[in-house]
Protein backbone atom coordinates (compact mmCIF):
# COMPACT_ATOMS: atom_id res chain seq x y z
CA UNK A 1 -0.17 -0.03 0.08
CA UNK A 2 1.27 3.46 -0.93
CA UNK A 3 0.08 7.15 0.97
CA UNK A 4 1.43 10.02 -0.02
CA UNK A 5 1.31 12.66 2.16
CA UNK A 6 1.85 16.25 1.14
CA UNK A 7 3.94 18.79 3.03
CA UNK A 8 5.62 22.69 1.91
CA UNK A 9 8.59 22.11 4.41
CA UNK A 10 11.74 20.60 2.31
CA UNK A 11 13.24 17.78 2.22
CA UNK A 12 16.13 18.96 4.88
CA UNK A 13 13.06 20.04 7.53
CA UNK A 14 10.91 16.86 6.89
CA UNK A 15 14.08 14.89 8.05
CA UNK A 16 14.90 16.62 11.14
CA UNK A 17 10.69 16.70 12.10
CA UNK A 18 10.68 12.64 11.45
CA UNK A 19 14.06 11.92 12.97
CA UNK A 20 12.68 13.87 16.06
CA UNK A 21 9.76 11.73 16.54
CA UNK A 22 9.83 8.45 15.18
CA UNK A 23 9.78 7.43 19.20
CA UNK A 24 6.88 8.68 18.92
CA UNK A 25 5.32 6.35 16.45
CA UNK A 26 4.26 3.34 18.60
CA UNK A 27 1.96 5.91 20.60
CA UNK A 28 0.13 5.68 17.60
CA UNK A 29 -0.21 2.10 17.17
CA UNK A 30 -3.56 0.99 18.68
CA UNK A 31 -3.71 -1.71 21.96
CA UNK A 32 0.01 -0.12 22.96
CA UNK A 33 1.74 -3.62 22.97
CA UNK A 34 4.14 -2.86 19.52
CA UNK A 35 7.44 -2.63 18.69
CA UNK A 36 9.35 -0.18 17.03
CA UNK A 37 12.60 0.06 15.08
CA UNK A 38 13.87 2.87 12.39
CA UNK A 39 16.85 3.00 10.30
CA UNK A 40 17.53 6.09 7.88
CA UNK A 41 18.77 3.97 4.66
CA UNK A 42 19.46 7.50 3.23
CA UNK A 43 18.81 11.53 3.92
CA UNK A 44 14.85 11.19 2.20
CA UNK A 45 14.31 7.54 3.03
CA UNK A 46 13.15 6.13 6.53
CA UNK A 47 13.19 1.72 6.87
CA UNK A 48 10.65 1.31 9.70
CA UNK A 49 9.79 -2.12 11.26
CA UNK A 50 6.52 -2.74 13.55
CA UNK A 51 5.81 -5.63 15.00
CA UNK A 52 2.57 -5.94 16.38
CA UNK A 53 0.29 -8.03 17.41
CA UNK A 54 2.08 -11.44 16.03
CA UNK A 55 2.82 -9.48 12.43
CA UNK A 56 6.15 -8.06 11.21
CA UNK A 57 4.97 -4.81 9.38
CA UNK A 58 7.63 -3.28 6.96
CA UNK A 59 7.63 0.47 5.96
CA UNK A 60 9.38 2.94 3.69
CA UNK A 61 8.83 6.74 4.24
CA UNK A 62 10.17 8.58 1.27
CA UNK A 63 10.47 12.31 1.67
CA UNK A 64 10.31 14.02 -2.11
CA UNK A 65 10.06 18.11 -2.61
CA UNK A 66 5.94 18.23 -2.27
CA UNK A 67 5.33 15.14 -0.46
CA UNK A 68 6.22 12.47 2.26
CA UNK A 69 5.13 8.63 0.88
CA UNK A 70 4.48 5.49 2.94
CA UNK A 71 4.85 2.59 1.16
CA UNK A 72 3.73 -0.17 3.85
CA UNK A 73 4.32 -3.91 3.15
CA UNK A 74 0.80 -4.96 4.56
CA UNK A 75 0.29 -9.15 5.01
CA UNK A 76 -2.20 -10.75 3.58
CA UNK A 77 -3.75 -11.50 6.97
CA UNK A 78 -4.88 -7.45 7.64
CA UNK A 79 -6.33 -6.81 4.73
CA UNK A 80 -8.83 -6.36 5.95
CA UNK A 81 -8.09 -3.27 7.51
CA UNK A 82 -6.19 -1.51 4.60
CA UNK A 83 -8.94 1.60 4.81
CA UNK A 84 -8.71 1.75 9.09
CA UNK A 85 -4.47 2.22 8.42
CA UNK A 86 -4.57 4.58 5.30
CA UNK A 87 -6.65 7.09 7.31
CA UNK A 88 -4.59 6.34 10.34
CA UNK A 89 -0.81 6.81 8.66
CA UNK A 90 -2.41 9.82 7.12
CA UNK A 91 -3.36 10.82 10.29
CA UNK A 92 -0.01 10.10 12.35
CA UNK A 93 2.00 11.22 8.89
CA UNK A 94 0.38 15.01 9.18
CA UNK A 95 0.60 14.96 12.91
CA UNK A 96 4.88 14.01 12.95
CA UNK A 97 5.22 16.59 10.31
CA UNK A 98 2.94 19.52 12.30
């Protein structure tokens, strides 16, 4: 699944804000029992791994000039919650950029 979140901040500022707030990602996951790992692959590419409810969900965040693109490799078992995840990722992404 691919989710684009528009911004007008510039790549460096988006990187700075994400870097300072990646520890908060776990707060946005329902149930509060998730583990989140993150690693900057490049200045404009953040890899995130979320383990929740017995599932590992890899995510990639790509920072572009006017949008942040979140790509999630959602396991088939969670396909029934795609809409809820998309809405949550958009809301969380916008909060992380404020």
